[in-house]
Amino acid sequence: MKRTQSGITLIGFLVVLAVAGFFAYVGMKLFPMYQEFYSVKTALKGLSNEPGIAMQDPAKIQDLFFRRLYINYSDNVKPENVKLSRGDRGWKMEVDYEVRKPMIYNIDVVGKFNAVQELTRTGDIDG
């Protein structure tokens, strides 16, 4: 009775390793983009819980927002990406930005992110 071995060959192992390495490389490029977007959403959420935020002027609100982002080392969001508009009970803040990271040679990864947060009078005594 002859026994045959079964398993992965060296070439098969190298192919699997190359595919896994490629996906790890792509993940390393994408993770910081999504981590920064999470920081933007966290900063917006924290700003909405700030007492009296609905009564602040837009420049002050934007300054508070960028201070929160500075703590998280977010550098892709610029002041021109932030839009404040007056709402019924306060302000509506929208952050719309794009991140472009080089991938391989002339191929880039582009991430488009958009976050909207209502800044209402939740922290006020009367509201």
Protein backbone atom coordinates (compact mmCIF):
# COMPACT_ATOMS: atom_id res chain seq x y z
CA MET A 1 0.00 0.00 0.00
CA LYS A 2 1.53 3.26 -1.16
CA ARG A 3 0.99 6.44 0.85
CA THR A 4 0.85 9.78 -0.94
CA GLN A 5 1.49 13.08 0.69
CA SER A 6 -0.94 15.90 0.24
CA GLY A 7 -0.48 19.51 1.11
CA ILE A 8 0.52 22.86 -0.25
CA THR A 9 3.54 23.17 -2.50
CA LEU A 10 6.18 25.84 -2.13
CA ILE A 11 4.85 27.74 -5.14
CA GLY A 12 1.30 27.54 -3.77
CA PHE A 13 2.53 28.82 -0.42
CA LEU A 14 4.30 31.76 -2.09
CA VAL A 15 1.13 32.68 -4.03
CA VAL A 16 -0.93 32.62 -0.84
CA LEU A 17 1.75 34.68 0.92
CA ALA A 18 1.78 37.25 -1.92
CA VAL A 19 -2.01 37.62 -1.87
CA ALA A 20 -2.05 37.98 1.93
CA GLY A 21 0.79 40.52 1.73
CA PHE A 22 -1.08 42.56 -0.87
CA PHE A 23 -4.21 42.72 1.28
CA ALA A 24 -2.12 43.64 4.33
CA TYR A 25 -0.50 46.45 2.30
CA VAL A 26 -3.90 47.77 1.18
CA GLY A 27 -5.15 47.58 4.76
CA MET A 28 -2.17 49.60 5.97
CA LYS A 29 -3.04 52.30 3.43
CA LEU A 30 -6.77 52.37 4.25
CA PHE A 31 -6.71 52.09 8.04
CA PRO A 32 -5.30 55.60 8.76
CA MET A 33 -7.93 57.17 6.48
CA TYR A 34 -10.79 55.54 8.36
CA GLN A 35 -9.16 56.20 11.72
CA GLU A 36 -9.05 59.90 10.86
CA PHE A 37 -12.72 59.83 9.81
CA TYR A 38 -13.57 58.25 13.17
CA SER A 39 -11.67 61.13 14.84
CA VAL A 40 -13.72 63.65 12.85
CA LYS A 41 -16.98 61.99 13.90
CA THR A 42 -15.82 61.84 17.53
CA ALA A 43 -14.85 65.53 17.46
CA LEU A 44 -18.25 66.45 16.01
CA LYS A 45 -20.07 64.38 18.61
CA GLY A 46 -18.04 65.92 21.43
CA LEU A 47 -18.69 69.39 20.04
CA SER A 48 -22.43 68.76 19.99
CA ASN A 49 -22.33 67.93 23.72
CA GLU A 50 -20.55 71.18 24.54
CA PRO A 51 -22.80 73.45 26.69
CA GLY A 52 -23.99 76.56 24.86
CA ILE A 53 -22.49 75.54 21.52
CA ALA A 54 -25.59 76.67 19.61
CA MET A 55 -25.04 80.24 20.80
CA GLN A 56 -21.39 80.46 19.68
CA ASP A 57 -20.30 82.22 16.52
CA PRO A 58 -19.08 80.08 13.58
CA ALA A 59 -15.42 81.06 13.99
CA LYS A 60 -15.42 79.91 17.62
CA ILE A 61 -17.16 76.63 16.75
CA GLN A 62 -14.65 75.95 13.97
CA ASP A 63 -11.76 76.77 16.31
CA LEU A 64 -13.08 74.31 18.93
CA PHE A 65 -13.52 71.65 16.24
CA PHE A 66 -9.96 72.00 14.92
CA ARG A 67 -8.55 71.94 18.46
CA ARG A 68 -10.23 68.56 18.95
CA LEU A 69 -8.82 67.33 15.65
CA TYR A 70 -5.34 68.59 16.50
CA ILE A 71 -5.29 66.31 19.54
CA ASN A 72 -5.93 63.30 17.25
CA TYR A 73 -3.23 64.33 14.71
CA SER A 74 -5.76 64.73 11.89
CA ASP A 75 -4.16 66.71 9.10
CA ASN A 76 -6.33 66.04 6.05
CA VAL A 77 -9.29 68.17 7.16
CA LYS A 78 -8.81 71.81 6.25
CA PRO A 79 -10.98 74.84 7.14
CA GLU A 80 -12.36 74.94 3.60
CA ASN A 81 -13.76 71.41 4.16
CA VAL A 82 -15.95 72.57 7.07
CA LYS A 83 -19.30 74.23 6.43
CA LEU A 84 -21.54 75.69 9.11
CA SER A 85 -25.13 76.60 8.37
CA ARG A 86 -27.82 77.99 10.66
CA GLY A 87 -30.49 75.48 11.66
CA ASP A 88 -33.76 75.68 13.57
CA ARG A 89 -32.30 75.17 17.03
CA GLY A 90 -28.63 75.95 16.46
CA TRP A 91 -26.00 75.11 13.87
CA LYS A 92 -25.51 72.31 11.38
CA MET A 93 -21.88 71.43 10.83
CA GLU A 94 -20.82 69.47 7.77
CA VAL A 95 -17.32 68.14 7.16
CA ASP A 96 -16.73 66.98 3.59
CA TYR A 97 -13.21 66.02 2.58
CA GLU A 98 -11.17 63.70 0.39
CA VAL A 99 -8.01 61.75 1.18
CA ARG A 100 -5.73 60.53 -1.60
CA LYS A 101 -2.91 58.11 -0.80
CA PRO A 102 -0.46 56.69 -3.35
CA MET A 103 -0.75 52.92 -3.65
CA ILE A 104 1.46 51.44 -6.36
CA TYR A 105 3.28 53.46 -9.02
CA ASN A 106 0.51 55.64 -10.53
CA ILE A 107 -2.44 54.04 -8.74
CA ASP A 108 -3.93 55.99 -5.82
CA VAL A 109 -6.47 55.11 -3.18
CA VAL A 110 -9.10 57.82 -2.81
CA GLY A 111 -11.41 58.09 0.18
CA LYS A 112 -14.30 60.56 0.19
CA PHE A 113 -15.69 61.26 3.64
CA ASN A 114 -18.72 63.24 4.79
CA ALA A 115 -19.97 63.78 8.33
CA VAL A 116 -22.87 65.97 9.48
CA GLN A 117 -23.73 66.94 13.05
CA GLU A 118 -26.46 69.13 14.49
CA LEU A 119 -25.13 71.53 17.13
CA THR A 120 -28.25 72.32 19.14
CA ARG A 121 -29.01 73.76 22.55
CA THR A 122 -28.74 70.41 24.36
CA GLY A 123 -26.24 71.79 26.87
CA ASP A 124 -28.30 74.91 27.71
CA ILE A 125 -30.51 75.17 30.78
CA ASP A 126 -33.52 76.42 28.82
CA GLY A 127 -33.28 74.03 26.00
